[in-house]
Amino acid sequence: LSKAIIRDLDRGATIVPATGAYSGQDKQMLYCVVYRSEARKLQNLVRTVDPQAFIVISDVHNVLGEGFKAE
């Protein structure tokens, strides 16, 4: 999925090690920040690559850093 995000959206992502609180199973969480206009494309990409993925979409007040314009 991270490779597809980099390839198809030209965005980076961060893989965060995680443990399911209920299951106790080790997992990986993928964190990606996109513009609002890119959110639907990201959601469609995730569903195509991993239909069982758990997705959280959240509004962010501001993003600073490479790939995002300073306001």
N, C-alpha and C. Protein backbone atom coordinates (compact mmCIF):
# COMPACT_ATOMS: atom_id res chain seq x y z
N LEU A 1 0.83 -1.19 0.00
CA LEU A 1 0.00 0.00 0.00
C LEU A 1 0.87 1.25 0.00
N SER A 2 1.92 1.27 0.80
CA SER A 2 2.77 2.46 0.84
C SER A 2 3.41 2.72 -0.52
N LYS A 3 3.81 1.67 -1.21
CA LYS A 3 4.40 1.84 -2.55
C LYS A 3 3.37 2.39 -3.53
N ALA A 4 2.12 1.95 -3.42
CA ALA A 4 1.06 2.45 -4.29
C ALA A 4 0.79 3.93 -4.02
N ILE A 5 0.82 4.34 -2.76
CA ILE A 5 0.62 5.74 -2.40
C ILE A 5 1.73 6.60 -2.99
N ILE A 6 2.96 6.13 -2.85
CA ILE A 6 4.10 6.88 -3.40
C ILE A 6 4.00 6.96 -4.92
N ARG A 7 3.69 5.84 -5.55
CA ARG A 7 3.63 5.77 -7.01
C ARG A 7 2.44 6.53 -7.58
N ASP A 8 1.25 6.31 -7.02
CA ASP A 8 0.03 6.83 -7.63
C ASP A 8 -0.37 8.23 -7.16
N LEU A 9 0.00 8.57 -5.93
CA LEU A 9 -0.39 9.87 -5.40
C LEU A 9 0.78 10.83 -5.26
N ASP A 10 2.01 10.32 -5.46
CA ASP A 10 3.21 11.13 -5.27
C ASP A 10 3.25 11.74 -3.87
N ARG A 11 2.85 10.93 -2.90
CA ARG A 11 2.86 11.32 -1.49
C ARG A 11 3.69 10.33 -0.70
N GLY A 12 4.21 10.77 0.41
CA GLY A 12 4.93 9.88 1.30
C GLY A 12 3.97 9.29 2.32
N ALA A 13 4.48 8.38 3.10
CA ALA A 13 3.70 7.76 4.17
C ALA A 13 4.68 7.27 5.24
N THR A 14 4.17 7.09 6.44
CA THR A 14 4.99 6.60 7.54
C THR A 14 4.38 5.31 8.06
N ILE A 15 5.20 4.29 8.21
CA ILE A 15 4.75 3.02 8.77
C ILE A 15 5.07 3.03 10.26
N VAL A 16 4.03 2.85 11.09
CA VAL A 16 4.16 2.90 12.53
C VAL A 16 3.83 1.52 13.10
N PRO A 17 4.75 0.94 13.89
CA PRO A 17 4.43 -0.34 14.52
C PRO A 17 3.31 -0.14 15.54
N ALA A 18 2.37 -1.08 15.59
CA ALA A 18 1.23 -0.96 16.49
C ALA A 18 0.84 -2.34 17.02
N THR A 19 0.10 -2.35 18.11
CA THR A 19 -0.43 -3.59 18.68
C THR A 19 -1.92 -3.40 18.90
N GLY A 20 -2.71 -4.33 18.41
CA GLY A 20 -4.16 -4.27 18.62
C GLY A 20 -4.46 -4.41 20.10
N ALA A 21 -5.23 -3.48 20.65
CA ALA A 21 -5.55 -3.52 22.08
C ALA A 21 -6.43 -4.72 22.43
N TYR A 22 -7.36 -5.04 21.57
CA TYR A 22 -8.27 -6.17 21.83
C TYR A 22 -7.60 -7.50 21.52
N SER A 23 -6.97 -7.59 20.34
CA SER A 23 -6.40 -8.87 19.89
C SER A 23 -5.00 -9.14 20.44
N GLY A 24 -4.29 -8.06 20.78
CA GLY A 24 -2.90 -8.22 21.21
C GLY A 24 -1.96 -8.52 20.05
N GLN A 25 -2.48 -8.52 18.81
CA GLN A 25 -1.65 -8.84 17.64
C GLN A 25 -0.83 -7.64 17.20
N ASP A 26 0.41 -7.93 16.78
CA ASP A 26 1.26 -6.89 16.21
C ASP A 26 0.73 -6.54 14.83
N LYS A 27 0.75 -5.25 14.54
CA LYS A 27 0.24 -4.73 13.27
C LYS A 27 1.15 -3.61 12.80
N GLN A 28 0.87 -3.14 11.60
CA GLN A 28 1.52 -1.94 11.11
C GLN A 28 0.44 -0.93 10.76
N MET A 29 0.65 0.31 11.18
CA MET A 29 -0.27 1.38 10.86
C MET A 29 0.41 2.28 9.83
N LEU A 30 -0.30 2.65 8.80
CA LEU A 30 0.24 3.51 7.76
C LEU A 30 -0.38 4.88 7.92
N TYR A 31 0.46 5.89 8.04
CA TYR A 31 -0.01 7.26 8.26
C TYR A 31 0.34 8.09 7.04
N CYS A 32 -0.66 8.73 6.46
CA CYS A 32 -0.44 9.51 5.25
C CYS A 32 -1.28 10.79 5.33
N VAL A 33 -0.68 11.91 4.98
CA VAL A 33 -1.37 13.19 4.98
C VAL A 33 -1.51 13.65 3.53
N VAL A 34 -2.74 14.02 3.15
CA VAL A 34 -3.01 14.51 1.80
C VAL A 34 -3.89 15.74 1.89
N TYR A 35 -3.93 16.49 0.80
CA TYR A 35 -4.89 17.59 0.70
C TYR A 35 -6.30 17.02 0.64
N ARG A 36 -7.26 17.82 1.05
CA ARG A 36 -8.66 17.40 1.01
C ARG A 36 -9.05 16.93 -0.38
N SER A 37 -8.53 17.60 -1.40
CA SER A 37 -8.86 17.25 -2.79
C SER A 37 -8.29 15.89 -3.20
N GLU A 38 -7.33 15.35 -2.44
CA GLU A 38 -6.73 14.05 -2.74
C GLU A 38 -7.32 12.91 -1.91
N ALA A 39 -8.17 13.24 -0.94
CA ALA A 39 -8.67 12.25 0.01
C ALA A 39 -9.46 11.13 -0.67
N ARG A 40 -10.32 11.48 -1.61
CA ARG A 40 -11.13 10.46 -2.29
C ARG A 40 -10.24 9.51 -3.09
N LYS A 41 -9.23 10.06 -3.76
CA LYS A 41 -8.31 9.22 -4.53
C LYS A 41 -7.56 8.27 -3.61
N LEU A 42 -7.12 8.77 -2.45
CA LEU A 42 -6.44 7.91 -1.47
C LEU A 42 -7.37 6.81 -0.98
N GLN A 43 -8.60 7.18 -0.66
CA GLN A 43 -9.57 6.20 -0.16
C GLN A 43 -9.81 5.11 -1.21
N ASN A 44 -9.97 5.50 -2.46
CA ASN A 44 -10.18 4.51 -3.53
C ASN A 44 -8.96 3.61 -3.71
N LEU A 45 -7.77 4.19 -3.60
CA LEU A 45 -6.54 3.41 -3.73
C LEU A 45 -6.43 2.38 -2.61
N VAL A 46 -6.71 2.79 -1.38
CA VAL A 46 -6.65 1.88 -0.23
C VAL A 46 -7.64 0.73 -0.43
N ARG A 47 -8.85 1.04 -0.82
CA ARG A 47 -9.87 0.01 -1.02
C ARG A 47 -9.48 -0.96 -2.13
N THR A 48 -8.80 -0.47 -3.16
CA THR A 48 -8.36 -1.33 -4.26
C THR A 48 -7.24 -2.28 -3.80
N VAL A 49 -6.27 -1.74 -3.06
CA VAL A 49 -5.11 -2.53 -2.63
C VAL A 49 -5.47 -3.45 -1.47
N ASP A 50 -6.25 -2.95 -0.50
CA ASP A 50 -6.60 -3.74 0.69
C ASP A 50 -8.05 -3.46 1.09
N PRO A 51 -9.00 -4.23 0.52
CA PRO A 51 -10.42 -3.99 0.82
C PRO A 51 -10.77 -4.14 2.30
N GLN A 52 -9.94 -4.80 3.10
CA GLN A 52 -10.22 -5.00 4.52
C GLN A 52 -9.56 -3.93 5.40
N ALA A 53 -8.90 -2.96 4.80
CA ALA A 53 -8.19 -1.94 5.57
C ALA A 53 -9.15 -1.13 6.44
N PHE A 54 -8.68 -0.76 7.62
CA PHE A 54 -9.40 0.13 8.53
C PHE A 54 -8.87 1.53 8.25
N ILE A 55 -9.74 2.46 7.86
CA ILE A 55 -9.31 3.79 7.43
C ILE A 55 -9.91 4.84 8.35
N VAL A 56 -9.10 5.81 8.76
CA VAL A 56 -9.57 6.96 9.51
C VAL A 56 -9.23 8.20 8.68
N ILE A 57 -10.24 9.02 8.41
CA ILE A 57 -10.02 10.27 7.68
C ILE A 57 -10.34 11.39 8.65
N SER A 58 -9.40 12.29 8.84
CA SER A 58 -9.56 13.34 9.83
C SER A 58 -9.13 14.69 9.26
N ASP A 59 -9.85 15.74 9.61
CA ASP A 59 -9.46 17.08 9.21
C ASP A 59 -8.27 17.53 10.05
N VAL A 60 -7.38 18.26 9.40
CA VAL A 60 -6.20 18.78 10.07
C VAL A 60 -6.18 20.28 9.89
N HIS A 61 -5.84 20.99 10.93
CA HIS A 61 -5.83 22.46 10.87
C HIS A 61 -4.71 22.98 9.98
N ASN A 62 -3.51 22.41 10.09
CA ASN A 62 -2.37 22.90 9.33
C ASN A 62 -1.33 21.81 9.16
N VAL A 63 -0.65 21.81 8.03
CA VAL A 63 0.44 20.88 7.77
C VAL A 63 1.65 21.68 7.31
N LEU A 64 2.78 21.47 7.94
CA LEU A 64 4.02 22.12 7.54
C LEU A 64 5.02 21.07 7.15
N GLY A 65 5.73 21.27 6.06
CA GLY A 65 6.76 20.32 5.68
C GLY A 65 6.79 20.10 4.18
N GLU A 66 7.72 19.27 3.78
CA GLU A 66 7.94 19.00 2.38
C GLU A 66 6.66 18.48 1.71
N GLY A 67 6.35 19.05 0.55
CA GLY A 67 5.18 18.62 -0.21
C GLY A 67 3.92 19.39 0.10
N PHE A 68 3.97 20.29 1.08
CA PHE A 68 2.81 21.09 1.43
C PHE A 68 3.18 22.56 1.43
N LYS A 69 2.32 23.37 0.87
CA LYS A 69 2.57 24.81 0.74
C LYS A 69 2.44 25.51 2.09
N ALA A 70 3.33 26.43 2.35
CA ALA A 70 3.22 27.26 3.54
C ALA A 70 2.17 28.32 3.29
N GLU A 71 1.31 28.57 4.27
CA GLU A 71 0.25 29.57 4.09
C GLU A 71 0.58 30.82 4.86
